[in-house]
């Protein structure tokens, strides 16, 4: 056999083997691991068993893994312990900058439901009053971006506050006992802080600038199981559409899954935006601005191109 023919045959065999492995990997999946927090569409999907019902005929189970915030979820996703999950705008930026194996799968504009709280009797009345104050938030979370954007709007810098990095379960008591002067946070903790922990809204994130949340997938999972990922996104999207017009039921679903009182979840549900859609150029531009801001402040070690991490479904 001539060398050229041998190489052609070898290449064809290699391609066939690769396609066979990919098809085999597609067929071998038996469980999808979903990361979720105490809010949003995925909590509703869990309560309704939407994904379980959809994938039952394919012999695929669903495992739900709860996280207190986005950063640890994406750490788990990076090592392959989680396949898909919902986070705010900042966690994927920190993760991509660190080289994590993640991709943006879908987007969700946020209209309300996060911001900055201060104690009801606090002397802090304006953004400028945050100067020199201890502000609690989860490092690398959407609340991190909210505080950075808020400071910029008032002509302050990140150095003008004392950041206190706390997870939501730790930040709540710290806020209630006065260990921090302000708290940047999202629902349902935002509502808990306001209603149960004597808080006052200093800033609504929606008044500061555009904010998005995201559905993120493990990069290898997206590459090897694209059709499965698309089905997950489709179920997420249909669940979100249902939620938009059934907010009372959403509140009950959120309460049932999270254990957070229904009155708190009702407030959170009524001011939430649930609509899920593709990652548009506008969303990418908004997210890129966040990434550029974080690099400028030295919060991430290197600049990133958000578009490079956007999942592109294979067209058939």
Protein backbone atom coordinates (compact mmCIF):
# COMPACT_ATOMS: atom_id res chain seq x y z
CA UNK A 1 0.00 0.00 0.00
CA UNK A 2 1.30 3.44 -0.89
CA UNK A 3 2.09 5.84 1.93
CA UNK A 4 -0.54 8.35 0.74
CA UNK A 5 -3.22 5.66 0.65
CA UNK A 6 -2.15 4.42 4.06
CA UNK A 7 -2.38 7.90 5.55
CA UNK A 8 -5.77 8.45 3.96
CA UNK A 9 -7.01 5.14 5.32
CA UNK A 10 -5.54 5.87 8.74
CA UNK A 11 -7.14 9.30 8.82
CA UNK A 12 -10.49 7.87 7.80
CA UNK A 13 -10.22 5.20 10.46
CA UNK A 14 -9.30 7.79 13.09
CA UNK A 15 -12.24 10.00 12.16
CA UNK A 16 -14.60 7.04 12.21
CA UNK A 17 -13.26 5.98 15.60
CA UNK A 18 -13.66 9.50 16.95
CA UNK A 19 -17.24 9.70 15.68
CA UNK A 20 -17.92 6.30 17.16
CA UNK A 21 -16.51 7.38 20.53
CA UNK A 22 -18.61 10.56 20.43
CA UNK A 23 -21.75 8.60 19.58
CA UNK A 24 -20.89 6.12 22.32
CA UNK A 25 -20.37 8.90 24.83
CA UNK A 26 -23.73 10.35 23.80
CA UNK A 27 -25.44 7.02 24.38
CA UNK A 28 -23.67 6.26 27.63
CA UNK A 29 -25.02 9.17 29.66
CA UNK A 30 -27.28 7.91 32.42
CA UNK A 31 -27.47 10.88 34.77
CA UNK A 32 -27.44 14.66 34.48
CA UNK A 33 -26.11 16.63 37.46
CA UNK A 34 -27.90 19.98 37.92
CA UNK A 35 -26.54 22.70 40.21
CA UNK A 36 -29.05 25.10 41.72
CA UNK A 37 -29.41 27.78 44.37
CA UNK A 38 -32.39 28.83 46.50
CA UNK A 39 -34.05 30.78 43.71
CA UNK A 40 -34.93 30.80 40.05
CA UNK A 41 -36.19 28.58 37.29
CA UNK A 42 -34.19 25.47 38.18
CA UNK A 43 -35.78 25.33 41.63
CA UNK A 44 -39.17 25.34 39.93
CA UNK A 45 -38.02 22.66 37.49
CA UNK A 46 -36.88 20.52 40.40
CA UNK A 47 -40.17 20.90 42.25
CA UNK A 48 -42.14 20.02 39.11
CA UNK A 49 -39.73 17.23 38.13
CA UNK A 50 -39.70 18.77 34.65
CA UNK A 51 -36.33 17.34 33.65
CA UNK A 52 -37.04 13.94 35.18
CA UNK A 53 -40.26 13.66 33.18
CA UNK A 54 -38.58 14.79 29.98
CA UNK A 55 -35.62 12.40 30.17
CA UNK A 56 -37.42 9.38 31.64
CA UNK A 57 -38.10 7.87 28.21
CA UNK A 58 -34.39 8.17 27.39
CA UNK A 59 -33.33 6.31 30.52
CA UNK A 60 -31.53 9.36 31.91
CA UNK A 61 -31.82 10.31 35.58
CA UNK A 62 -31.38 13.73 37.15
CA UNK A 63 -29.35 14.53 40.25
CA UNK A 64 -29.84 17.89 41.99
CA UNK A 65 -26.96 19.54 43.85
CA UNK A 66 -27.62 22.65 45.95
CA UNK A 67 -25.08 25.48 46.33
CA UNK A 68 -25.16 28.64 48.45
CA UNK A 69 -23.77 30.76 45.60
CA UNK A 70 -22.38 30.61 42.08
CA UNK A 71 -18.61 30.41 42.65
CA UNK A 72 -18.57 27.00 44.40
CA UNK A 73 -21.04 25.69 41.81
CA UNK A 74 -18.69 26.59 38.97
CA UNK A 75 -15.75 25.09 40.86
CA UNK A 76 -17.69 21.83 40.97
CA UNK A 77 -18.62 22.20 37.32
CA UNK A 78 -15.00 22.76 36.36
CA UNK A 79 -13.98 19.39 37.81
CA UNK A 80 -16.94 17.63 36.21
CA UNK A 81 -19.11 17.14 39.30
CA UNK A 82 -21.92 19.28 37.87
CA UNK A 83 -23.09 19.40 34.26
CA UNK A 84 -25.43 22.40 34.21
CA UNK A 85 -26.50 25.18 36.55
CA UNK A 86 -27.69 28.76 36.98
CA UNK A 87 -25.49 31.60 38.25
CA UNK A 88 -25.26 35.38 38.18
CA UNK A 89 -23.02 37.44 35.92
CA UNK A 90 -19.77 37.44 37.89
CA UNK A 91 -19.04 33.75 38.65
CA UNK A 92 -18.47 32.73 35.01
CA UNK A 93 -16.09 35.67 34.54
CA UNK A 94 -13.92 34.60 37.46
CA UNK A 95 -14.17 30.98 36.30
CA UNK A 96 -13.23 31.73 32.69
CA UNK A 97 -10.31 33.86 33.83
CA UNK A 98 -9.08 30.91 35.88
CA UNK A 99 -9.32 28.61 32.86
CA UNK A 100 -12.34 26.68 34.07
CA UNK A 101 -14.02 24.19 31.71
CA UNK A 102 -17.33 26.04 31.38
CA UNK A 103 -19.49 27.50 28.63
CA UNK A 104 -22.43 29.91 28.55
CA UNK A 105 -25.49 27.93 27.46
CA UNK A 106 -28.38 30.41 27.86
CA UNK A 107 -29.08 33.84 29.32
CA UNK A 108 -31.65 35.52 31.52
CA UNK A 109 -31.94 39.32 31.93
CA UNK A 110 -32.50 40.38 35.55
CA UNK A 111 -34.95 43.21 36.13
CA UNK A 112 -34.98 43.23 39.92
CA UNK A 113 -34.41 41.11 43.00
CA UNK A 114 -30.91 42.13 44.01
CA UNK A 115 -29.18 45.18 45.38
CA UNK A 116 -27.62 46.66 48.50
CA UNK A 117 -29.23 46.68 51.93
CA UNK A 118 -28.39 48.80 54.97
CA UNK A 119 -29.94 48.63 58.46
CA UNK A 120 -33.22 50.53 58.61
CA UNK A 121 -31.84 53.12 61.05
CA UNK A 122 -28.43 53.41 59.37
CA UNK A 123 -26.96 56.82 58.68
CA UNK A 124 -26.10 55.56 55.19
CA UNK A 125 -28.58 57.36 52.96
CA UNK A 126 -26.76 57.56 49.66
CA UNK A 127 -24.19 55.57 47.72
CA UNK A 128 -21.55 58.15 48.68
CA UNK A 129 -22.18 57.27 52.33
CA UNK A 130 -20.71 53.80 51.72
CA UNK A 131 -17.23 55.33 51.75
CA UNK A 132 -15.21 53.82 54.57
CA UNK A 133 -17.90 51.28 55.41
CA UNK A 134 -17.75 47.50 55.76
CA UNK A 135 -19.74 45.98 52.91
CA UNK A 136 -20.52 42.28 52.90
CA UNK A 137 -20.96 40.16 49.77
CA UNK A 138 -19.88 36.88 48.24
CA UNK A 139 -16.60 37.23 46.36
CA UNK A 140 -16.97 36.47 42.67
CA UNK A 141 -20.77 36.54 42.79
CA UNK A 142 -23.26 38.82 41.03
CA UNK A 143 -23.38 40.83 44.26
CA UNK A 144 -19.69 41.59 43.71
CA UNK A 145 -20.48 43.23 40.40
CA UNK A 146 -23.42 45.15 41.91
CA UNK A 147 -21.18 46.79 44.51
CA UNK A 148 -18.49 47.62 41.94
CA UNK A 149 -21.00 49.21 39.55
CA UNK A 150 -22.69 51.08 42.38
CA UNK A 151 -19.43 52.58 43.61
CA UNK A 152 -18.52 53.68 40.10
CA UNK A 153 -21.85 55.43 39.70
CA UNK A 154 -21.12 57.55 42.77
CA UNK A 155 -17.55 58.31 41.73
CA UNK A 156 -16.11 56.01 44.38
CA UNK A 157 -13.58 53.23 43.92
CA UNK A 158 -13.35 49.71 45.23
CA UNK A 159 -10.66 50.96 47.61
CA UNK A 160 -13.17 53.32 49.24
CA UNK A 161 -14.94 50.47 51.04
CA UNK A 162 -13.82 47.58 53.20
CA UNK A 163 -15.04 44.44 51.43
CA UNK A 164 -16.08 41.63 53.73
CA UNK A 165 -16.32 38.38 51.79
CA UNK A 166 -19.17 36.28 53.18
CA UNK A 167 -21.44 33.58 51.82
CA UNK A 168 -25.17 34.41 52.03
CA UNK A 169 -25.79 32.15 55.07
CA UNK A 170 -22.94 33.90 56.94
CA UNK A 171 -23.71 37.41 55.68
CA UNK A 172 -27.31 37.36 56.94
CA UNK A 173 -26.41 37.06 60.65
CA UNK A 174 -23.50 39.50 60.17
CA UNK A 175 -25.92 42.04 58.73
CA UNK A 176 -28.48 41.45 61.45
CA UNK A 177 -25.97 41.90 64.31
CA UNK A 178 -24.24 44.94 62.81
CA UNK A 179 -20.93 43.30 61.94
CA UNK A 180 -21.23 44.78 58.45
CA UNK A 181 -22.62 48.18 57.50
CA UNK A 182 -24.16 47.14 54.19
CA UNK A 183 -24.94 43.94 52.34
CA UNK A 184 -24.93 43.38 48.57
CA UNK A 185 -27.14 40.38 47.90
CA UNK A 186 -29.75 38.70 45.70
CA UNK A 187 -33.16 37.13 46.33
CA UNK A 188 -34.42 35.39 48.34
CA UNK A 189 -31.75 36.64 50.78
CA UNK A 190 -32.41 40.20 49.58
CA UNK A 191 -36.03 39.89 50.72
CA UNK A 192 -35.06 38.10 53.95
CA UNK A 193 -32.67 40.92 54.82
CA UNK A 194 -35.34 43.52 54.15
CA UNK A 195 -38.32 41.80 55.75
CA UNK A 196 -36.82 39.67 58.52
CA UNK A 197 -33.51 41.36 59.36
CA UNK A 198 -34.58 44.98 59.61
CA UNK A 199 -32.99 46.08 56.35
CA UNK A 200 -33.62 49.04 54.08
CA UNK A 201 -32.95 49.00 50.35
CA UNK A 202 -30.21 51.48 49.53
CA UNK A 203 -29.82 50.41 45.91
CA UNK A 204 -31.76 48.24 43.50
CA UNK A 205 -29.34 46.71 41.02
CA UNK A 206 -31.77 47.41 38.19
CA UNK A 207 -31.32 51.16 38.82
CA UNK A 208 -27.55 50.88 38.39
CA UNK A 209 -27.21 49.10 35.06
CA UNK A 210 -28.00 46.03 32.99
CA UNK A 211 -27.66 42.74 34.80
CA UNK A 212 -27.89 39.20 33.46
CA UNK A 213 -27.82 35.75 34.93
CA UNK A 214 -26.73 32.66 33.04
CA UNK A 215 -27.20 28.95 32.55
CA UNK A 216 -23.73 27.46 32.44
CA UNK A 217 -22.63 24.00 31.32
CA UNK A 218 -19.48 22.00 31.78
CA UNK A 219 -17.49 22.42 28.55
CA UNK A 220 -16.85 18.69 28.03
CA UNK A 221 -20.50 17.89 28.71
CA UNK A 222 -21.57 20.51 26.15
CA UNK A 223 -19.10 19.16 23.59
CA UNK A 224 -19.92 15.50 24.10
CA UNK A 225 -23.66 15.77 24.73
CA UNK A 226 -24.81 18.77 22.73
CA UNK A 227 -28.28 17.38 21.91
CA UNK A 228 -28.83 16.53 25.58
CA UNK A 229 -27.74 20.03 26.62
CA UNK A 230 -30.14 21.55 24.10
CA UNK A 231 -32.97 19.51 25.59
CA UNK A 232 -32.05 20.75 29.08
CA UNK A 233 -32.13 24.33 27.81
CA UNK A 234 -35.48 23.71 26.10
CA UNK A 235 -36.99 22.37 29.34
CA UNK A 236 -35.49 25.30 31.27
CA UNK A 237 -36.99 27.73 28.75
CA UNK A 238 -40.47 26.18 28.88
CA UNK A 239 -40.37 26.11 32.70
CA UNK A 240 -39.41 29.80 32.69
CA UNK A 241 -42.30 30.64 30.35
CA UNK A 242 -44.71 28.89 32.71
CA UNK A 243 -43.25 30.75 35.70
CA UNK A 244 -43.79 34.17 34.12
CA UNK A 245 -47.56 33.72 34.29
CA UNK A 246 -47.88 31.61 37.47
CA UNK A 247 -46.07 33.63 40.13
CA UNK A 248 -48.20 32.51 43.09
CA UNK A 249 -47.50 28.89 42.21
CA UNK A 250 -43.84 29.78 41.68
CA UNK A 251 -43.64 31.14 45.23
CA UNK A 252 -45.12 27.94 46.61
CA UNK A 253 -42.72 25.84 44.54
CA UNK A 254 -39.72 27.84 45.68
CA UNK A 255 -40.82 27.56 49.29
CA UNK A 256 -41.42 23.81 49.04
CA UNK A 257 -37.94 23.14 47.66
CA UNK A 258 -35.91 25.64 49.69
CA UNK A 259 -37.76 25.69 53.00
CA UNK A 260 -37.85 29.50 52.89
CA UNK A 261 -41.28 30.83 54.02
CA UNK A 262 -43.78 31.37 51.23
CA UNK A 263 -44.26 35.05 52.13
CA UNK A 264 -40.56 35.67 51.43
CA UNK A 265 -40.64 33.70 48.20
CA UNK A 266 -43.79 35.54 47.12
CA UNK A 267 -41.97 38.87 47.25
CA UNK A 268 -39.01 37.36 45.41
CA UNK A 269 -41.20 35.72 42.76
CA UNK A 270 -43.23 38.84 42.08
CA UNK A 271 -40.18 40.94 41.31
CA UNK A 272 -38.23 38.32 39.38
CA UNK A 273 -37.76 37.94 35.66
CA UNK A 274 -37.83 34.31 34.58
CA UNK A 275 -37.58 34.52 30.77
CA UNK A 276 -34.71 32.43 29.36
CA UNK A 277 -33.20 32.92 25.92
CA UNK A 278 -30.04 32.53 23.83
CA UNK A 279 -26.83 34.42 24.50
CA UNK A 280 -27.32 37.48 22.28
CA UNK A 281 -24.71 39.97 21.13
CA UNK A 282 -26.17 42.49 23.57
CA UNK A 283 -25.79 40.07 26.49
CA UNK A 284 -22.23 39.28 25.42
CA UNK A 285 -21.40 43.00 25.24
CA UNK A 286 -22.83 43.61 28.72
CA UNK A 287 -20.94 40.64 30.14
CA UNK A 288 -17.71 41.70 28.41
CA UNK A 289 -17.99 45.11 30.07
CA UNK A 290 -18.21 43.40 33.46
CA UNK A 291 -15.15 41.29 32.65
CA UNK A 292 -13.17 44.33 31.49
CA UNK A 293 -14.12 46.21 34.65
CA UNK A 294 -12.97 43.35 36.86
CA UNK A 295 -9.64 43.09 35.06
CA UNK A 296 -9.09 46.83 35.34
CA UNK A 297 -9.66 46.59 39.09
CA UNK A 298 -7.28 43.63 39.39
CA UNK A 299 -10.07 41.31 40.51
CA UNK A 300 -9.26 38.77 37.79
CA UNK A 301 -5.68 37.87 36.80
CA UNK A 302 -6.01 38.22 33.04
CA UNK A 303 -8.35 39.72 30.45
CA UNK A 304 -10.87 37.38 28.88
CA UNK A 305 -13.03 37.29 25.77
CA UNK A 306 -16.52 36.29 26.87
CA UNK A 307 -17.57 35.27 23.37
CA UNK A 308 -14.90 32.53 23.40
CA UNK A 309 -16.85 30.72 26.12
CA UNK A 310 -20.29 30.90 24.51
CA UNK A 311 -21.62 27.50 23.52
CA UNK A 312 -22.55 27.13 19.87
CA UNK A 313 -24.97 24.28 19.18
CA UNK A 314 -24.00 22.06 16.26
CA UNK A 315 -26.38 22.77 13.39
CA UNK A 316 -27.93 19.65 11.87
